[in-house]
């Protein structure tokens, strides 16, 4: 299901933001003229029970070692091939934040406030959608964990 259709069906207030091709979350933040803290980066991981999706601020990386301890086994970044196999309806390299639409458990960085508006990649490198983190949580029901190293 396309994210635009999903958000419309769920009656979520959002804003679609077209932008030049951005192949990283930090580049997306630059094109959208927002702080990287306000851009959600979706990272496909492979954990002890299989693939899962982590959502963190664009300014941070997932702490794989700490996450592995929290999940009870090793965690690694998915390969490009694994990414394209999971997100078949997306442009190559795109990982949208709604893991549930793809049968994945989603993890959300614990420090992100439910009140902030976050911009997420949709199905292409040229469009983002901005929604309130609380709405994202209501729809996705992610598990909140500390996913990043303390800064």
C-alpha atoms as a PDB file:
ATOM      1  CA  UNK A   1       0.000   0.000   0.000  1.00  0.00           C
ATOM      2  CA  UNK A   2       1.273   3.422  -0.864  1.00  0.00           C
ATOM      3  CA  UNK A   3       2.009   5.629   2.134  1.00  0.00           C
ATOM      4  CA  UNK A   4      -0.155   8.458   0.773  1.00  0.00           C
ATOM      5  CA  UNK A   5      -3.144   6.097   0.542  1.00  0.00           C
ATOM      6  CA  UNK A   6      -2.426   4.659   3.989  1.00  0.00           C
ATOM      7  CA  UNK A   7      -2.279   8.099   5.645  1.00  0.00           C
ATOM      8  CA  UNK A   8      -5.435   9.230   3.842  1.00  0.00           C
ATOM      9  CA  UNK A   9      -7.293   6.066   4.878  1.00  0.00           C
ATOM     10  CA  UNK A  10      -6.195   6.636   8.482  1.00  0.00           C
ATOM     11  CA  UNK A  11      -7.170  10.338   8.347  1.00  0.00           C
ATOM     12  CA  UNK A  12      -3.744  11.507   9.442  1.00  0.00           C
ATOM     13  CA  UNK A  13      -2.832  15.148   9.047  1.00  0.00           C
ATOM     14  CA  UNK A  14       0.325  15.287   6.954  1.00  0.00           C
ATOM     15  CA  UNK A  15       2.221  17.351   4.426  1.00  0.00           C
ATOM     16  CA  UNK A  16       3.807  15.959   1.257  1.00  0.00           C
ATOM     17  CA  UNK A  17       7.153  17.530   0.472  1.00  0.00           C
ATOM     18  CA  UNK A  18       8.617  17.043  -2.999  1.00  0.00           C
ATOM     19  CA  UNK A  19      12.363  17.682  -3.186  1.00  0.00           C
ATOM     20  CA  UNK A  20      15.369  17.026  -5.438  1.00  0.00           C
ATOM     21  CA  UNK A  21      16.684  13.437  -5.319  1.00  0.00           C
ATOM     22  CA  UNK A  22      18.102  12.772  -1.844  1.00  0.00           C
ATOM     23  CA  UNK A  23      19.876   9.484  -1.237  1.00  0.00           C
ATOM     24  CA  UNK A  24      20.605  10.130   2.455  1.00  0.00           C
ATOM     25  CA  UNK A  25      18.465  11.413   5.294  1.00  0.00           C
ATOM     26  CA  UNK A  26      20.909  14.252   5.957  1.00  0.00           C
ATOM     27  CA  UNK A  27      20.634  15.366   2.327  1.00  0.00           C
ATOM     28  CA  UNK A  28      16.836  15.217   2.641  1.00  0.00           C
ATOM     29  CA  UNK A  29      17.072  17.503   5.696  1.00  0.00           C
ATOM     30  CA  UNK A  30      19.180  19.950   3.690  1.00  0.00           C
ATOM     31  CA  UNK A  31      16.712  20.024   0.783  1.00  0.00           C
ATOM     32  CA  UNK A  32      13.748  20.410   3.137  1.00  0.00           C
ATOM     33  CA  UNK A  33      15.533  23.171   5.105  1.00  0.00           C
ATOM     34  CA  UNK A  34      14.970  21.417   8.438  1.00  0.00           C
ATOM     35  CA  UNK A  35      17.251  20.125  11.158  1.00  0.00           C
ATOM     36  CA  UNK A  36      18.387  16.527  10.768  1.00  0.00           C
ATOM     37  CA  UNK A  37      16.810  15.970  14.189  1.00  0.00           C
ATOM     38  CA  UNK A  38      13.429  16.492  12.473  1.00  0.00           C
ATOM     39  CA  UNK A  39      14.030  13.951   9.707  1.00  0.00           C
ATOM     40  CA  UNK A  40      13.285  10.342  10.528  1.00  0.00           C
ATOM     41  CA  UNK A  41      15.761   7.890   9.052  1.00  0.00           C
ATOM     42  CA  UNK A  42      14.444   4.340   8.537  1.00  0.00           C
ATOM     43  CA  UNK A  43      17.090   1.638   8.800  1.00  0.00           C
ATOM     44  CA  UNK A  44      16.426  -1.983   7.872  1.00  0.00           C
ATOM     45  CA  UNK A  45      18.166  -4.318  10.290  1.00  0.00           C
ATOM     46  CA  UNK A  46      18.467  -8.053  10.711  1.00  0.00           C
ATOM     47  CA  UNK A  47      18.186  -9.146  14.340  1.00  0.00           C
ATOM     48  CA  UNK A  48      17.983 -12.390  16.267  1.00  0.00           C
ATOM     49  CA  UNK A  49      14.422 -13.065  15.057  1.00  0.00           C
ATOM     50  CA  UNK A  50      14.750 -11.697  11.515  1.00  0.00           C
ATOM     51  CA  UNK A  51      14.347  -8.341   9.774  1.00  0.00           C
ATOM     52  CA  UNK A  52      13.110  -5.275  11.633  1.00  0.00           C
ATOM     53  CA  UNK A  53      12.975  -1.548  11.025  1.00  0.00           C
ATOM     54  CA  UNK A  54      14.567   1.129  13.191  1.00  0.00           C
ATOM     55  CA  UNK A  55      13.566   4.803  13.010  1.00  0.00           C
ATOM     56  CA  UNK A  56      16.120   7.294  14.317  1.00  0.00           C
ATOM     57  CA  UNK A  57      16.903  10.980  13.734  1.00  0.00           C
ATOM     58  CA  UNK A  58      18.890  11.577  10.531  1.00  0.00           C
ATOM     59  CA  UNK A  59      21.740  12.966  12.637  1.00  0.00           C
ATOM     60  CA  UNK A  60      22.398   9.634  14.358  1.00  0.00           C
ATOM     61  CA  UNK A  61      23.324   6.037  13.637  1.00  0.00           C
ATOM     62  CA  UNK A  62      21.848   2.927  15.197  1.00  0.00           C
ATOM     63  CA  UNK A  63      23.987   1.531  18.012  1.00  0.00           C
ATOM     64  CA  UNK A  64      24.004  -2.073  16.790  1.00  0.00           C
ATOM     65  CA  UNK A  65      25.877  -3.450  19.792  1.00  0.00           C
ATOM     66  CA  UNK A  66      23.524  -1.974  22.412  1.00  0.00           C
ATOM     67  CA  UNK A  67      20.486  -2.907  20.347  1.00  0.00           C
ATOM     68  CA  UNK A  68      21.769  -6.480  20.078  1.00  0.00           C
ATOM     69  CA  UNK A  69      22.028  -6.662  23.871  1.00  0.00           C
ATOM     70  CA  UNK A  70      18.476  -5.322  24.234  1.00  0.00           C
ATOM     71  CA  UNK A  71      17.100  -7.795  21.668  1.00  0.00           C
ATOM     72  CA  UNK A  72      19.046 -10.796  22.932  1.00  0.00           C
ATOM     73  CA  UNK A  73      21.281 -11.460  19.946  1.00  0.00           C
ATOM     74  CA  UNK A  74      23.368  -9.929  17.201  1.00  0.00           C
ATOM     75  CA  UNK A  75      21.940  -7.153  15.033  1.00  0.00           C
ATOM     76  CA  UNK A  76      23.359  -6.047  11.698  1.00  0.00           C
ATOM     77  CA  UNK A  77      22.493  -3.653   8.909  1.00  0.00           C
ATOM     78  CA  UNK A  78      20.554  -5.308   6.100  1.00  0.00           C
ATOM     79  CA  UNK A  79      22.302  -5.661   2.770  1.00  0.00           C
ATOM     80  CA  UNK A  80      21.175  -3.722  -0.298  1.00  0.00           C
ATOM     81  CA  UNK A  81      19.694  -6.922  -1.665  1.00  0.00           C
ATOM     82  CA  UNK A  82      17.708  -7.543   1.537  1.00  0.00           C
ATOM     83  CA  UNK A  83      16.475  -3.947   1.440  1.00  0.00           C
ATOM     84  CA  UNK A  84      15.236  -4.285  -2.140  1.00  0.00           C
ATOM     85  CA  UNK A  85      13.564  -7.643  -1.363  1.00  0.00           C
ATOM     86  CA  UNK A  86      11.588  -6.182   1.551  1.00  0.00           C
ATOM     87  CA  UNK A  87      10.647  -2.848  -0.036  1.00  0.00           C
ATOM     88  CA  UNK A  88       9.762  -4.113  -3.519  1.00  0.00           C
ATOM     89  CA  UNK A  89       7.302  -1.277  -4.226  1.00  0.00           C
ATOM     90  CA  UNK A  90       9.894   1.422  -3.506  1.00  0.00           C
ATOM     91  CA  UNK A  91      12.763   2.897  -5.462  1.00  0.00           C
ATOM     92  CA  UNK A  92      16.047   1.086  -4.917  1.00  0.00           C
ATOM     93  CA  UNK A  93      17.530   2.044  -1.542  1.00  0.00           C
ATOM     94  CA  UNK A  94      14.339   3.506  -0.051  1.00  0.00           C
ATOM     95  CA  UNK A  95      13.155   2.320   3.373  1.00  0.00           C
ATOM     96  CA  UNK A  96       9.819   3.874   4.384  1.00  0.00           C
ATOM     97  CA  UNK A  97       9.078   4.151   8.122  1.00  0.00           C
ATOM     98  CA  UNK A  98       5.920   2.025   8.198  1.00  0.00           C
ATOM     99  CA  UNK A  99       7.365  -1.422   8.779  1.00  0.00           C
ATOM    100  CA  UNK A 100       3.953  -2.876   9.617  1.00  0.00           C
ATOM    101  CA  UNK A 101       2.933  -2.407   5.964  1.00  0.00           C
ATOM    102  CA  UNK A 102       5.743  -4.846   5.141  1.00  0.00           C
ATOM    103  CA  UNK A 103       5.252  -7.296   8.007  1.00  0.00           C
ATOM    104  CA  UNK A 104       8.132  -5.867  10.058  1.00  0.00           C
ATOM    105  CA  UNK A 105       8.407  -4.909  13.694  1.00  0.00           C
ATOM    106  CA  UNK A 106       9.335  -1.223  13.953  1.00  0.00           C
ATOM    107  CA  UNK A 107      11.560   0.280  16.635  1.00  0.00           C
ATOM    108  CA  UNK A 108      11.503   4.009  17.392  1.00  0.00           C
ATOM    109  CA  UNK A 109      14.268   5.957  19.092  1.00  0.00           C
ATOM    110  CA  UNK A 110      13.078   6.608  22.653  1.00  0.00           C
ATOM    111  CA  UNK A 111      14.295  10.221  22.765  1.00  0.00           C
ATOM    112  CA  UNK A 112      12.015  11.450  19.956  1.00  0.00           C
ATOM    113  CA  UNK A 113       9.114  13.411  21.441  1.00  0.00           C
ATOM    114  CA  UNK A 114       5.597  12.444  20.335  1.00  0.00           C
ATOM    115  CA  UNK A 115       4.906  16.174  19.817  1.00  0.00           C
ATOM    116  CA  UNK A 116       7.525  16.839  17.125  1.00  0.00           C
ATOM    117  CA  UNK A 117       6.816  16.794  13.415  1.00  0.00           C
ATOM    118  CA  UNK A 118       9.100  14.443  11.492  1.00  0.00           C
ATOM    119  CA  UNK A 119       9.759  14.207   7.771  1.00  0.00           C
ATOM    120  CA  UNK A 120      10.054  10.650   6.435  1.00  0.00           C
ATOM    121  CA  UNK A 121      11.033   9.199   3.088  1.00  0.00           C
ATOM    122  CA  UNK A 122       8.047   7.716   1.244  1.00  0.00           C
ATOM    123  CA  UNK A 123       8.463   5.391  -1.762  1.00  0.00           C
ATOM    124  CA  UNK A 124      10.959   7.496  -3.681  1.00  0.00           C
ATOM    125  CA  UNK A 125      14.077   9.574  -3.154  1.00  0.00           C
ATOM    126  CA  UNK A 126      12.178  12.691  -4.273  1.00  0.00           C
ATOM    127  CA  UNK A 127       9.283  12.942  -1.819  1.00  0.00           C
ATOM    128  CA  UNK A 128       8.957  13.115   1.921  1.00  0.00           C
ATOM    129  CA  UNK A 129       5.932  13.243   4.159  1.00  0.00           C
ATOM    130  CA  UNK A 130       5.823  15.256   7.377  1.00  0.00           C
ATOM    131  CA  UNK A 131       3.658  13.912  10.200  1.00  0.00           C
ATOM    132  CA  UNK A 132       3.517  14.327  13.947  1.00  0.00           C
ATOM    133  CA  UNK A 133       5.512  11.614  15.721  1.00  0.00           C
ATOM    134  CA  UNK A 134       2.490  10.863  17.925  1.00  0.00           C
ATOM    135  CA  UNK A 135       0.422  10.092  14.811  1.00  0.00           C
ATOM    136  CA  UNK A 136       3.218   7.881  13.515  1.00  0.00           C
ATOM    137  CA  UNK A 137       3.177   5.999  16.828  1.00  0.00           C
ATOM    138  CA  UNK A 138      -0.596   5.608  16.784  1.00  0.00           C
ATOM    139  CA  UNK A 139      -0.499   4.067  13.307  1.00  0.00           C
ATOM    140  CA  UNK A 140       2.703   2.045  13.528  1.00  0.00           C
ATOM    141  CA  UNK A 141       2.755   1.098  17.225  1.00  0.00           C
ATOM    142  CA  UNK A 142       6.561   0.952  17.283  1.00  0.00           C
ATOM    143  CA  UNK A 143       8.531  -0.372  20.203  1.00  0.00           C
ATOM    144  CA  UNK A 144      10.406   2.533  21.818  1.00  0.00           C
ATOM    145  CA  UNK A 145      14.008   1.746  22.655  1.00  0.00           C
ATOM    146  CA  UNK A 146      17.245   3.613  23.048  1.00  0.00           C
ATOM    147  CA  UNK A 147      18.622   2.970  19.547  1.00  0.00           C
ATOM    148  CA  UNK A 148      21.390   5.566  19.331  1.00  0.00           C
ATOM    149  CA  UNK A 149      24.499   6.319  21.328  1.00  0.00           C
ATOM    150  CA  UNK A 150      24.262   9.170  23.785  1.00  0.00           C
ATOM    151  CA  UNK A 151      25.569  12.398  22.276  1.00  0.00           C
END
